[in-house]
Amino acid sequence: MGRSVLQISSSDQVTLAFTISSALFFMLPATGQDWSNSVCADDDHATFHACALQAGERFDPPRTAAGHPDLQGIWARRARAHESLHAHPQTLDDFEAPSIIVTPADGFAPMQPWAEAKRRYNRPAYVHQNAICRLSGIPGTMYMTGTYQFMQSENYLLVQSEEAHAFRVIPMDGRPHIGEGIQLWNGDSIGRWNGNTFVVETRNQNARAWLDQRARFYTDEALVTERFTLIDPDTMHWEATIEDPNVYSEAFTIALAYRRRSAEGAELWEEACYEDNDLASETYRNVGYELYPGITGAEARRLRSAWELEDRELEWKQ
């Protein structure tokens, strides 16, 4: 006789949880809409990015009463970067997708050697933050789920996400960043307008979230700069540049298309979930995973120094 649901082993529960989340929640949104008439209709990230940079220069967007481009609406993200920033094939857990990295042009995150070794250790050692309902940091929050709602006033942009309780209130009133000693899951985001592009700088993250399910990480000293630009009435170009010299040899940029969900009755549905979900956390711990503690800039520099010392000793022996 087959096992009942209550008799499924812990390892089977982990496999089932990943499979269901990939197959149901993280699919590209099936809205029934046709975006083929977009000025940049190709969702391949490098192709879309190159097209959107030019289209954004030509498009005169609708504006709010304050005179700024009106970003409001319900938007579908066209990416599967939460699985991997790099191009990756279809597996039991993943859908096939191109690299979301548009700079460098090779589509690879420029991780330093010690950081790549650390990533490979982290991936089987720690559970991904989303699996236990923790926030995904910035930029991960902006491609972790399928649909977002933007609401805008003169001094704030509100971004609401389907994913658990993830939302962002981004001020654009000229205030400074909070003190360096305050660290938050999604950091401290400050926005400003640069022509028709909304630019957001995020600092002060606790660095306990990964960029993707392949365990690519950053430290609490990372700076993430996002740019939101309407390129036609129903398409937004989003790009984010990650700067963290503790982990990466150079800054790199990711980009994707947001497509407007304009069908009648379109609305945002919440994937209700509570932080540090006890049942999920226990399930993952039972099969050997730990909760990722994050990494500080100081710790990263110490690990890099140790790695470089090992390299120098190997070179001396040769």
C-alpha atoms as a PDB file:
ATOM      1  CA  MET A   1       0.000   0.000   0.000  1.00  0.00           C
ATOM      2  CA  GLY A   2       1.323   3.477  -0.822  1.00  0.00           C
ATOM      3  CA  ARG A   3       2.315   5.870   1.925  1.00  0.00           C
ATOM      4  CA  SER A   4      -0.159   8.461   3.147  1.00  0.00           C
ATOM      5  CA  VAL A   5       0.747  12.151   3.096  1.00  0.00           C
ATOM      6  CA  LEU A   6       1.589  11.991   6.791  1.00  0.00           C
ATOM      7  CA  GLN A   7       4.060   9.175   6.157  1.00  0.00           C
ATOM      8  CA  ILE A   8       6.169  10.986   3.545  1.00  0.00           C
ATOM      9  CA  SER A   9       9.803  11.119   4.610  1.00  0.00           C
ATOM     10  CA  SER A  10      11.580  14.413   5.350  1.00  0.00           C
ATOM     11  CA  SER A  11      13.723  14.134   2.219  1.00  0.00           C
ATOM     12  CA  ASP A  12      10.598  13.523   0.102  1.00  0.00           C
ATOM     13  CA  GLN A  13       8.952  16.564   1.683  1.00  0.00           C
ATOM     14  CA  VAL A  14      11.915  18.733   0.627  1.00  0.00           C
ATOM     15  CA  THR A  15      11.763  17.424  -2.957  1.00  0.00           C
ATOM     16  CA  LEU A  16       8.001  17.916  -3.076  1.00  0.00           C
ATOM     17  CA  ALA A  17       8.237  21.455  -1.716  1.00  0.00           C
ATOM     18  CA  PHE A  18      10.802  22.528  -4.323  1.00  0.00           C
ATOM     19  CA  THR A  19       8.909  20.833  -7.164  1.00  0.00           C
ATOM     20  CA  ILE A  20       5.561  22.397  -6.310  1.00  0.00           C
ATOM     21  CA  SER A  21       7.024  25.882  -5.872  1.00  0.00           C
ATOM     22  CA  SER A  22       8.817  25.674  -9.208  1.00  0.00           C
ATOM     23  CA  ALA A  23       5.936  24.143 -11.125  1.00  0.00           C
ATOM     24  CA  LEU A  24       3.156  26.327  -9.765  1.00  0.00           C
ATOM     25  CA  PHE A  25       4.307  29.559  -8.195  1.00  0.00           C
ATOM     26  CA  PHE A  26       7.414  30.576 -10.084  1.00  0.00           C
ATOM     27  CA  MET A  27       6.211  29.926 -13.624  1.00  0.00           C
ATOM     28  CA  LEU A  28       6.156  32.912 -15.922  1.00  0.00           C
ATOM     29  CA  PRO A  29       2.708  34.408 -15.238  1.00  0.00           C
ATOM     30  CA  ALA A  30       0.053  32.876 -17.493  1.00  0.00           C
ATOM     31  CA  THR A  31      -2.016  36.016 -17.988  1.00  0.00           C
ATOM     32  CA  GLY A  32      -3.486  35.244 -21.393  1.00  0.00           C
ATOM     33  CA  GLN A  33      -2.199  38.603 -22.606  1.00  0.00           C
ATOM     34  CA  ASP A  34      -0.360  39.172 -25.860  1.00  0.00           C
ATOM     35  CA  TRP A  35       2.641  41.469 -25.554  1.00  0.00           C
ATOM     36  CA  SER A  36       3.927  40.809 -29.071  1.00  0.00           C
ATOM     37  CA  ASN A  37       3.187  44.409 -30.070  1.00  0.00           C
ATOM     38  CA  SER A  38       5.663  45.760 -27.503  1.00  0.00           C
ATOM     39  CA  VAL A  39       8.419  47.924 -28.918  1.00  0.00           C
ATOM     40  CA  CYS A  40      10.780  45.364 -27.339  1.00  0.00           C
ATOM     41  CA  ALA A  41       8.836  42.103 -27.419  1.00  0.00           C
ATOM     42  CA  ASP A  42      11.705  39.632 -26.943  1.00  0.00           C
ATOM     43  CA  ASP A  43      12.009  38.455 -23.324  1.00  0.00           C
ATOM     44  CA  ASP A  44      15.588  37.242 -23.795  1.00  0.00           C
ATOM     45  CA  HIS A  45      17.297  39.507 -21.285  1.00  0.00           C
ATOM     46  CA  ALA A  46      20.305  40.627 -23.327  1.00  0.00           C
ATOM     47  CA  THR A  47      18.156  41.238 -26.418  1.00  0.00           C
ATOM     48  CA  PHE A  48      15.483  43.079 -24.445  1.00  0.00           C
ATOM     49  CA  HIS A  49      18.054  45.195 -22.581  1.00  0.00           C
ATOM     50  CA  ALA A  50      19.774  46.370 -25.764  1.00  0.00           C
ATOM     51  CA  CYS A  51      16.432  47.248 -27.344  1.00  0.00           C
ATOM     52  CA  ALA A  52      15.061  48.937 -24.212  1.00  0.00           C
ATOM     53  CA  LEU A  53      18.042  51.245 -23.774  1.00  0.00           C
ATOM     54  CA  GLN A  54      17.184  52.821 -27.122  1.00  0.00           C
ATOM     55  CA  ALA A  55      13.399  52.650 -26.779  1.00  0.00           C
ATOM     56  CA  GLY A  56      13.483  54.427 -23.421  1.00  0.00           C
ATOM     57  CA  GLU A  57      15.165  57.409 -25.029  1.00  0.00           C
ATOM     58  CA  ARG A  58      12.338  57.772 -27.544  1.00  0.00           C
ATOM     59  CA  PHE A  59       9.243  57.100 -25.436  1.00  0.00           C
ATOM     60  CA  ASP A  60       7.312  59.943 -23.782  1.00  0.00           C
ATOM     61  CA  PRO A  61       5.585  58.144 -20.880  1.00  0.00           C
ATOM     62  CA  PRO A  62       2.263  59.019 -19.233  1.00  0.00           C
ATOM     63  CA  ARG A  63       2.816  61.206 -16.204  1.00  0.00           C
ATOM     64  CA  THR A  64       1.461  61.755 -12.712  1.00  0.00           C
ATOM     65  CA  ALA A  65       0.143  65.063 -11.426  1.00  0.00           C
ATOM     66  CA  ALA A  66       3.661  65.721 -10.123  1.00  0.00           C
ATOM     67  CA  GLY A  67       5.017  65.454 -13.670  1.00  0.00           C
ATOM     68  CA  HIS A  68       6.946  62.193 -13.232  1.00  0.00           C
ATOM     69  CA  PRO A  69       6.486  59.062 -15.349  1.00  0.00           C
ATOM     70  CA  ASP A  70       3.540  57.048 -14.038  1.00  0.00           C
ATOM     71  CA  LEU A  71       4.822  53.584 -13.075  1.00  0.00           C
ATOM     72  CA  GLN A  72       1.586  52.490 -11.442  1.00  0.00           C
ATOM     73  CA  GLY A  73      -0.125  49.250 -12.357  1.00  0.00           C
ATOM     74  CA  ILE A  74       0.137  45.484 -12.063  1.00  0.00           C
ATOM     75  CA  TRP A  75       3.267  44.091 -13.681  1.00  0.00           C
ATOM     76  CA  ALA A  76       4.380  40.569 -14.617  1.00  0.00           C
ATOM     77  CA  ARG A  77       8.092  39.858 -14.404  1.00  0.00           C
ATOM     78  CA  ARG A  78       9.483  37.962 -17.385  1.00  0.00           C
ATOM     79  CA  ALA A  79      12.369  36.036 -15.851  1.00  0.00           C
ATOM     80  CA  ARG A  80      13.346  32.896 -14.002  1.00  0.00           C
ATOM     81  CA  ALA A  81      16.453  34.371 -12.444  1.00  0.00           C
ATOM     82  CA  HIS A  82      15.473  33.216  -8.958  1.00  0.00           C
ATOM     83  CA  GLU A  83      16.620  29.759 -10.096  1.00  0.00           C
ATOM     84  CA  SER A  84      19.968  30.980 -11.436  1.00  0.00           C
ATOM     85  CA  LEU A  85      21.322  34.296 -12.656  1.00  0.00           C
ATOM     86  CA  HIS A  86      23.207  32.315 -15.310  1.00  0.00           C
ATOM     87  CA  ALA A  87      21.678  30.536 -18.298  1.00  0.00           C
ATOM     88  CA  HIS A  88      20.433  27.164 -17.102  1.00  0.00           C
ATOM     89  CA  PRO A  89      18.682  24.076 -18.490  1.00  0.00           C
ATOM     90  CA  GLN A  90      15.363  22.582 -17.507  1.00  0.00           C
ATOM     91  CA  THR A  91      15.555  20.122 -14.616  1.00  0.00           C
ATOM     92  CA  LEU A  92      13.097  18.603 -12.147  1.00  0.00           C
ATOM     93  CA  ASP A  93      13.339  21.839 -10.156  1.00  0.00           C
ATOM     94  CA  ASP A  94      14.115  24.470 -12.816  1.00  0.00           C
ATOM     95  CA  PHE A  95      12.758  25.831 -16.059  1.00  0.00           C
ATOM     96  CA  GLU A  96      15.192  26.546 -18.868  1.00  0.00           C
ATOM     97  CA  ALA A  97      16.140  30.224 -19.009  1.00  0.00           C
ATOM     98  CA  PRO A  98      18.789  32.567 -20.440  1.00  0.00           C
ATOM     99  CA  SER A  99      21.218  34.518 -18.296  1.00  0.00           C
ATOM    100  CA  ILE A 100      19.764  37.638 -16.726  1.00  0.00           C
ATOM    101  CA  ILE A 101      23.260  39.175 -16.567  1.00  0.00           C
ATOM    102  CA  VAL A 102      23.692  41.751 -19.336  1.00  0.00           C
ATOM    103  CA  THR A 103      27.040  43.167 -18.161  1.00  0.00           C
ATOM    104  CA  PRO A 104      29.569  41.546 -18.452  1.00  0.00           C
ATOM    105  CA  ALA A 105      28.489  40.448 -21.890  1.00  0.00           C
ATOM    106  CA  ASP A 106      29.416  36.800 -21.274  1.00  0.00           C
ATOM    107  CA  GLY A 107      26.459  36.468 -18.893  1.00  0.00           C
ATOM    108  CA  PHE A 108      28.481  35.243 -15.906  1.00  0.00           C
ATOM    109  CA  ALA A 109      28.618  36.785 -12.447  1.00  0.00           C
ATOM    110  CA  PRO A 110      32.259  37.861 -11.889  1.00  0.00           C
ATOM    111  CA  MET A 111      32.744  36.108  -8.545  1.00  0.00           C
ATOM    112  CA  GLN A 112      36.215  36.136  -7.056  1.00  0.00           C
ATOM    113  CA  PRO A 113      37.803  32.651  -6.737  1.00  0.00           C
ATOM    114  CA  TRP A 114      37.365  32.423  -2.959  1.00  0.00           C
ATOM    115  CA  ALA A 115      33.719  33.528  -3.291  1.00  0.00           C
ATOM    116  CA  GLU A 116      32.978  30.916  -5.960  1.00  0.00           C
ATOM    117  CA  ALA A 117      34.405  28.246  -3.638  1.00  0.00           C
ATOM    118  CA  LYS A 118      32.269  29.620  -0.809  1.00  0.00           C
ATOM    119  CA  ARG A 119      29.187  29.571  -3.051  1.00  0.00           C
ATOM    120  CA  ARG A 120      29.733  25.913  -3.893  1.00  0.00           C
ATOM    121  CA  TYR A 121      29.963  25.128  -0.187  1.00  0.00           C
ATOM    122  CA  ASN A 122      26.899  27.203   0.694  1.00  0.00           C
ATOM    123  CA  ARG A 123      24.543  25.693  -1.853  1.00  0.00           C
ATOM    124  CA  PRO A 124      24.212  22.199  -0.279  1.00  0.00           C
ATOM    125  CA  ALA A 125      24.806  23.454   3.268  1.00  0.00           C
ATOM    126  CA  TYR A 126      22.098  26.086   3.661  1.00  0.00           C
ATOM    127  CA  VAL A 127      18.423  26.377   2.803  1.00  0.00           C
ATOM    128  CA  HIS A 128      17.340  29.085   0.354  1.00  0.00           C
ATOM    129  CA  GLN A 129      15.628  31.959   2.152  1.00  0.00           C
ATOM    130  CA  ASN A 130      12.412  31.731   0.140  1.00  0.00           C
ATOM    131  CA  ALA A 131      11.848  28.098   1.139  1.00  0.00           C
ATOM    132  CA  ILE A 132      11.297  29.191   4.744  1.00  0.00           C
ATOM    133  CA  CYS A 133       9.399  32.384   3.906  1.00  0.00           C
ATOM    134  CA  ARG A 134      12.159  34.876   4.560  1.00  0.00           C
ATOM    135  CA  LEU A 135      12.543  38.009   2.460  1.00  0.00           C
ATOM    136  CA  SER A 136      14.777  37.827  -0.605  1.00  0.00           C
ATOM    137  CA  GLY A 137      16.717  41.066  -0.323  1.00  0.00           C
ATOM    138  CA  ILE A 138      17.394  43.505  -3.134  1.00  0.00           C
ATOM    139  CA  PRO A 139      17.531  42.827  -6.041  1.00  0.00           C
ATOM    140  CA  GLY A 140      16.094  39.325  -5.445  1.00  0.00           C
ATOM    141  CA  THR A 141      12.703  40.585  -4.283  1.00  0.00           C
ATOM    142  CA  MET A 142      12.165  42.078  -7.744  1.00  0.00           C
ATOM    143  CA  TYR A 143      12.316  38.724  -9.573  1.00  0.00           C
ATOM    144  CA  MET A 144      11.451  36.196  -6.878  1.00  0.00           C
ATOM    145  CA  THR A 145       7.743  36.163  -7.610  1.00  0.00           C
ATOM    146  CA  GLY A 146       5.592  36.482 -10.723  1.00  0.00           C
ATOM    147  CA  THR A 147       3.476  39.600 -10.261  1.00  0.00           C
ATOM    148  CA  TYR A 148       3.904  43.017  -8.648  1.00  0.00           C
ATOM    149  CA  GLN A 149       1.759  46.061  -8.058  1.00  0.00           C
ATOM    150  CA  PHE A 150       3.269  49.546  -8.168  1.00  0.00           C
ATOM    151  CA  MET A 151       1.525  52.485  -6.470  1.00  0.00           C
ATOM    152  CA  GLN A 152       2.990  55.955  -6.641  1.00  0.00           C
ATOM    153  CA  SER A 153       2.637  59.332  -4.946  1.00  0.00           C
ATOM    154  CA  GLU A 154       4.702  62.482  -5.229  1.00  0.00           C
ATOM    155  CA  ASN A 155       7.197  61.315  -2.604  1.00  0.00           C
ATOM    156  CA  TYR A 156       6.943  57.506  -2.518  1.00  0.00           C
ATOM    157  CA  LEU A 157       6.829  54.426  -4.709  1.00  0.00           C
ATOM    158  CA  LEU A 158       5.131  51.376  -3.158  1.00  0.00           C
ATOM    159  CA  VAL A 159       6.028  47.973  -4.619  1.00  0.00           C
ATOM    160  CA  GLN A 160       3.831  45.103  -3.479  1.00  0.00           C
ATOM    161  CA  SER A 161       4.803  41.528  -4.237  1.00  0.00           C
ATOM    162  CA  GLU A 162       2.880  38.258  -4.323  1.00  0.00           C
ATOM    163  CA  GLU A 163       5.662  36.680  -2.303  1.00  0.00           C
ATOM    164  CA  ALA A 164       4.710  36.326   1.346  1.00  0.00           C
ATOM    165  CA  HIS A 165       4.819  39.733   3.059  1.00  0.00           C
ATOM    166  CA  ALA A 166       7.360  41.337   0.717  1.00  0.00           C
ATOM    167  CA  PHE A 167       6.734  44.990  -0.039  1.00  0.00           C
ATOM    168  CA  ARG A 168       8.860  48.072  -0.515  1.00  0.00           C
ATOM    169  CA  VAL A 169       8.118  51.710   0.358  1.00  0.00           C
ATOM    170  CA  ILE A 170      10.727  53.738  -1.509  1.00  0.00           C
ATOM    171  CA  PRO A 171      10.983  57.437  -0.590  1.00  0.00           C
ATOM    172  CA  MET A 172      12.014  59.977  -3.201  1.00  0.00           C
ATOM    173  CA  ASP A 173      12.016  63.098  -1.050  1.00  0.00           C
ATOM    174  CA  GLY A 174      15.775  63.592  -0.865  1.00  0.00           C
ATOM    175  CA  ARG A 175      16.326  62.047   2.564  1.00  0.00           C
ATOM    176  CA  PRO A 176      19.716  60.430   3.364  1.00  0.00           C
ATOM    177  CA  HIS A 177      20.245  56.724   3.996  1.00  0.00           C
ATOM    178  CA  ILE A 178      19.810  55.426   7.526  1.00  0.00           C
ATOM    179  CA  GLY A 179      22.851  54.845   9.729  1.00  0.00           C
ATOM    180  CA  GLU A 180      25.367  52.171   8.775  1.00  0.00           C
ATOM    181  CA  GLY A 181      24.663  50.222  11.950  1.00  0.00           C
ATOM    182  CA  ILE A 182      21.074  49.416  10.940  1.00  0.00           C
ATOM    183  CA  GLN A 183      20.738  46.371   8.714  1.00  0.00           C
ATOM    184  CA  LEU A 184      17.487  45.161   7.158  1.00  0.00           C
ATOM    185  CA  TRP A 185      16.423  42.169   5.063  1.00  0.00           C
ATOM    186  CA  ASN A 186      15.610  44.415   2.081  1.00  0.00           C
ATOM    187  CA  GLY A 187      18.002  47.154   3.077  1.00  0.00           C
ATOM    188  CA  ASP A 188      17.368  50.883   2.916  1.00  0.00           C
ATOM    189  CA  SER A 189      16.188  52.033  -0.508  1.00  0.00           C
ATOM    190  CA  ILE A 190      16.216  55.693  -1.573  1.00  0.00           C
ATOM    191  CA  GLY A 191      14.804  56.785  -4.946  1.00  0.00           C
ATOM    192  CA  ARG A 192      15.251  59.762  -7.243  1.00  0.00           C
ATOM    193  CA  TRP A 193      14.278  60.717 -10.777  1.00  0.00           C
ATOM    194  CA  ASN A 194      16.882  60.996 -13.508  1.00  0.00           C
ATOM    195  CA  GLY A 195      14.866  62.213 -16.479  1.00  0.00           C
ATOM    196  CA  ASN A 196      12.297  59.505 -17.200  1.00  0.00           C
ATOM    197  CA  THR A 197      14.143  56.848 -15.194  1.00  0.00           C
ATOM    198  CA  PHE A 198      13.441  56.128 -11.542  1.00  0.00           C
ATOM    199  CA  VAL A 199      16.803  55.336  -9.885  1.00  0.00           C
ATOM    200  CA  VAL A 200      16.891  53.491  -6.553  1.00  0.00           C
ATOM    201  CA  GLU A 201      19.990  52.949  -4.419  1.00  0.00           C
ATOM    202  CA  THR A 202      19.832  50.252  -1.734  1.00  0.00           C
ATOM    203  CA  ARG A 203      22.311  49.859   1.106  1.00  0.00           C
ATOM    204  CA  ASN A 204      22.222  48.424   4.645  1.00  0.00           C
ATOM    205  CA  GLN A 205      21.176  44.879   3.772  1.00  0.00           C
ATOM    206  CA  ASN A 206      21.794  42.114   6.295  1.00  0.00           C
ATOM    207  CA  ALA A 207      23.120  39.896   3.452  1.00  0.00           C
ATOM    208  CA  ARG A 208      21.203  36.844   4.668  1.00  0.00           C
ATOM    209  CA  ALA A 209      19.507  36.376   1.295  1.00  0.00           C
ATOM    210  CA  TRP A 210      21.015  34.908  -1.863  1.00  0.00           C
ATOM    211  CA  LEU A 211      20.680  36.289  -5.366  1.00  0.00           C
ATOM    212  CA  ASP A 212      19.488  32.913  -6.670  1.00  0.00           C
ATOM    213  CA  GLN A 213      19.027  29.251  -5.787  1.00  0.00           C
ATOM    214  CA  ARG A 214      22.648  28.621  -6.798  1.00  0.00           C
ATOM    215  CA  ALA A 215      23.740  30.443  -3.618  1.00  0.00           C
ATOM    216  CA  ARG A 216      25.288  33.521  -5.233  1.00  0.00           C
ATOM    217  CA  PHE A 217      25.689  35.952  -2.366  1.00  0.00           C
ATOM    218  CA  TYR A 218      26.762  39.437  -1.371  1.00  0.00           C
ATOM    219  CA  THR A 219      27.897  41.112   1.851  1.00  0.00           C
ATOM    220  CA  ASP A 220      26.308  43.743   4.052  1.00  0.00           C
ATOM    221  CA  GLU A 221      28.452  46.348   2.276  1.00  0.00           C
ATOM    222  CA  ALA A 222      26.865  45.785  -1.150  1.00  0.00           C
ATOM    223  CA  LEU A 223      25.378  48.681  -3.100  1.00  0.00           C
ATOM    224  CA  VAL A 224      22.515  47.855  -5.471  1.00  0.00           C
ATOM    225  CA  THR A 225      21.378  50.481  -7.974  1.00  0.00           C
ATOM    226  CA  GLU A 226      18.092  49.830  -9.780  1.00  0.00           C
ATOM    227  CA  ARG A 227      16.646  51.691 -12.770  1.00  0.00           C
ATOM    228  CA  PHE A 228      12.965  51.601 -13.752  1.00  0.00           C
ATOM    229  CA  THR A 229      12.119  53.010 -17.203  1.00  0.00           C
ATOM    230  CA  LEU A 230       8.878  52.828 -19.186  1.00  0.00           C
ATOM    231  CA  ILE A 231       9.662  52.096 -22.836  1.00  0.00           C
ATOM    232  CA  ASP A 232       6.076  51.819 -24.114  1.00  0.00           C
ATOM    233  CA  PRO A 233       2.635  51.966 -22.418  1.00  0.00           C
ATOM    234  CA  ASP A 234       2.763  48.318 -21.303  1.00  0.00           C
ATOM    235  CA  THR A 235       6.495  47.576 -20.907  1.00  0.00           C
ATOM    236  CA  MET A 236       8.971  48.568 -18.222  1.00  0.00           C
ATOM    237  CA  HIS A 237      12.735  48.097 -18.442  1.00  0.00           C
ATOM    238  CA  TRP A 238      14.203  47.131 -15.065  1.00  0.00           C
ATOM    239  CA  GLU A 239      17.916  46.826 -14.463  1.00  0.00           C
ATOM    240  CA  ALA A 240      19.996  46.460 -11.327  1.00  0.00           C
ATOM    241  CA  THR A 241      23.734  46.913 -10.874  1.00  0.00           C
ATOM    242  CA  ILE A 242      25.346  45.038  -7.980  1.00  0.00           C
ATOM    243  CA  GLU A 243      28.567  46.464  -6.561  1.00  0.00           C
ATOM    244  CA  ASP A 244      30.364  44.480  -3.875  1.00  0.00           C
ATOM    245  CA  PRO A 245      34.168  44.410  -4.283  1.00  0.00           C
ATOM    246  CA  ASN A 246      34.350  42.007  -1.335  1.00  0.00           C
ATOM    247  CA  VAL A 247      32.789  39.246  -3.458  1.00  0.00           C
ATOM    248  CA  TYR A 248      32.854  40.280  -7.124  1.00  0.00           C
ATOM    249  CA  SER A 249      35.821  41.360  -9.225  1.00  0.00           C
ATOM    250  CA  GLU A 250      33.699  44.053 -10.880  1.00  0.00           C
ATOM    251  CA  ALA A 251      30.194  45.460 -10.791  1.00  0.00           C
ATOM    252  CA  PHE A 252      27.658  43.553 -12.872  1.00  0.00           C
ATOM    253  CA  THR A 253      24.188  44.369 -14.196  1.00  0.00           C
ATOM    254  CA  ILE A 254      21.052  42.282 -14.566  1.00  0.00           C
ATOM    255  CA  ALA A 255      17.989  43.292 -16.573  1.00  0.00           C
ATOM    256  CA  LEU A 256      14.489  42.055 -17.353  1.00  0.00           C
ATOM    257  CA  ALA A 257      11.144  43.092 -18.796  1.00  0.00           C
ATOM    258  CA  TYR A 258       8.081  43.864 -16.739  1.00  0.00           C
ATOM    259  CA  ARG A 259       4.900  43.521 -18.820  1.00  0.00           C
ATOM    260  CA  ARG A 260       1.705  45.266 -17.757  1.00  0.00           C
ATOM    261  CA  ARG A 261      -1.226  43.080 -16.772  1.00  0.00           C
ATOM    262  CA  SER A 262      -4.056  45.181 -18.152  1.00  0.00           C
ATOM    263  CA  ALA A 263      -6.759  42.529 -18.492  1.00  0.00           C
ATOM    264  CA  GLU A 264     -10.034  43.376 -16.799  1.00  0.00           C
ATOM    265  CA  GLY A 265     -10.062  42.124 -13.228  1.00  0.00           C
ATOM    266  CA  ALA A 266      -6.286  41.749 -12.958  1.00  0.00           C
ATOM    267  CA  GLU A 267      -5.229  41.862  -9.342  1.00  0.00           C
ATOM    268  CA  LEU A 268      -2.405  40.871  -7.029  1.00  0.00           C
ATOM    269  CA  TRP A 269      -2.787  37.601  -5.104  1.00  0.00           C
ATOM    270  CA  GLU A 270      -0.680  37.098  -1.998  1.00  0.00           C
ATOM    271  CA  GLU A 271       1.215  33.866  -1.436  1.00  0.00           C
ATOM    272  CA  ALA A 272       0.521  33.981   2.290  1.00  0.00           C
ATOM    273  CA  CYS A 273       3.488  32.801   4.318  1.00  0.00           C
ATOM    274  CA  TYR A 274       5.051  33.748   7.634  1.00  0.00           C
ATOM    275  CA  GLU A 275       8.718  34.452   8.244  1.00  0.00           C
ATOM    276  CA  ASP A 276      10.860  31.588   9.547  1.00  0.00           C
ATOM    277  CA  ASN A 277       8.040  29.118   8.843  1.00  0.00           C
ATOM    278  CA  ASP A 278       8.554  26.621  11.685  1.00  0.00           C
ATOM    279  CA  LEU A 279       7.382  23.525   9.818  1.00  0.00           C
ATOM    280  CA  ALA A 280       9.487  24.272   6.740  1.00  0.00           C
ATOM    281  CA  SER A 281      12.539  25.168   8.835  1.00  0.00           C
ATOM    282  CA  GLU A 282      12.273  21.933  10.796  1.00  0.00           C
ATOM    283  CA  THR A 283      11.827  19.908   7.612  1.00  0.00           C
ATOM    284  CA  TYR A 284      15.012  21.283   6.069  1.00  0.00           C
ATOM    285  CA  ARG A 285      16.996  20.939   9.287  1.00  0.00           C
ATOM    286  CA  ASN A 286      15.931  17.295   9.526  1.00  0.00           C
ATOM    287  CA  VAL A 287      17.691  16.528   6.242  1.00  0.00           C
ATOM    288  CA  GLY A 288      20.860  18.431   7.094  1.00  0.00           C
ATOM    289  CA  TYR A 289      20.313  22.009   5.937  1.00  0.00           C
ATOM    290  CA  GLU A 290      21.152  25.018   8.115  1.00  0.00           C
ATOM    291  CA  LEU A 291      19.810  28.561   8.012  1.00  0.00           C
ATOM    292  CA  TYR A 292      22.163  30.855   6.114  1.00  0.00           C
ATOM    293  CA  PRO A 293      23.723  33.358   8.568  1.00  0.00           C
ATOM    294  CA  GLY A 294      24.791  35.919   5.975  1.00  0.00           C
ATOM    295  CA  ILE A 295      28.272  37.362   5.624  1.00  0.00           C
ATOM    296  CA  THR A 296      29.809  40.704   6.542  1.00  0.00           C
ATOM    297  CA  GLY A 297      32.298  42.643   4.483  1.00  0.00           C
ATOM    298  CA  ALA A 298      34.937  42.093   7.181  1.00  0.00           C
ATOM    299  CA  GLU A 299      34.409  38.333   7.127  1.00  0.00           C
ATOM    300  CA  ALA A 300      34.614  38.284   3.334  1.00  0.00           C
ATOM    301  CA  ARG A 301      37.922  40.172   3.369  1.00  0.00           C
ATOM    302  CA  ARG A 302      39.315  37.740   5.938  1.00  0.00           C
ATOM    303  CA  LEU A 303      38.320  34.739   3.816  1.00  0.00           C
ATOM    304  CA  ARG A 304      39.764  36.331   0.688  1.00  0.00           C
ATOM    305  CA  SER A 305      43.060  37.023   2.469  1.00  0.00           C
ATOM    306  CA  ALA A 306      43.257  33.411   3.622  1.00  0.00           C
ATOM    307  CA  TRP A 307      42.559  32.201   0.075  1.00  0.00           C
ATOM    308  CA  GLU A 308      45.221  34.473  -1.400  1.00  0.00           C
ATOM    309  CA  LEU A 309      47.730  33.314   1.220  1.00  0.00           C
ATOM    310  CA  GLU A 310      47.108  29.707   0.187  1.00  0.00           C
ATOM    311  CA  ASP A 311      47.641  30.682  -3.451  1.00  0.00           C
ATOM    312  CA  ARG A 312      50.956  32.377  -2.663  1.00  0.00           C
ATOM    313  CA  GLU A 313      52.174  29.311  -0.780  1.00  0.00           C
ATOM    314  CA  LEU A 314      51.240  27.059  -3.705  1.00  0.00           C
ATOM    315  CA  GLU A 315      53.127  29.344  -6.098  1.00  0.00           C
ATOM    316  CA  TRP A 316      56.166  29.334  -3.783  1.00  0.00           C
ATOM    317  CA  LYS A 317      56.222  25.516  -3.754  1.00  0.00           C
ATOM    318  CA  GLN A 318      56.281  25.482  -7.527  1.00  0.00           C
END
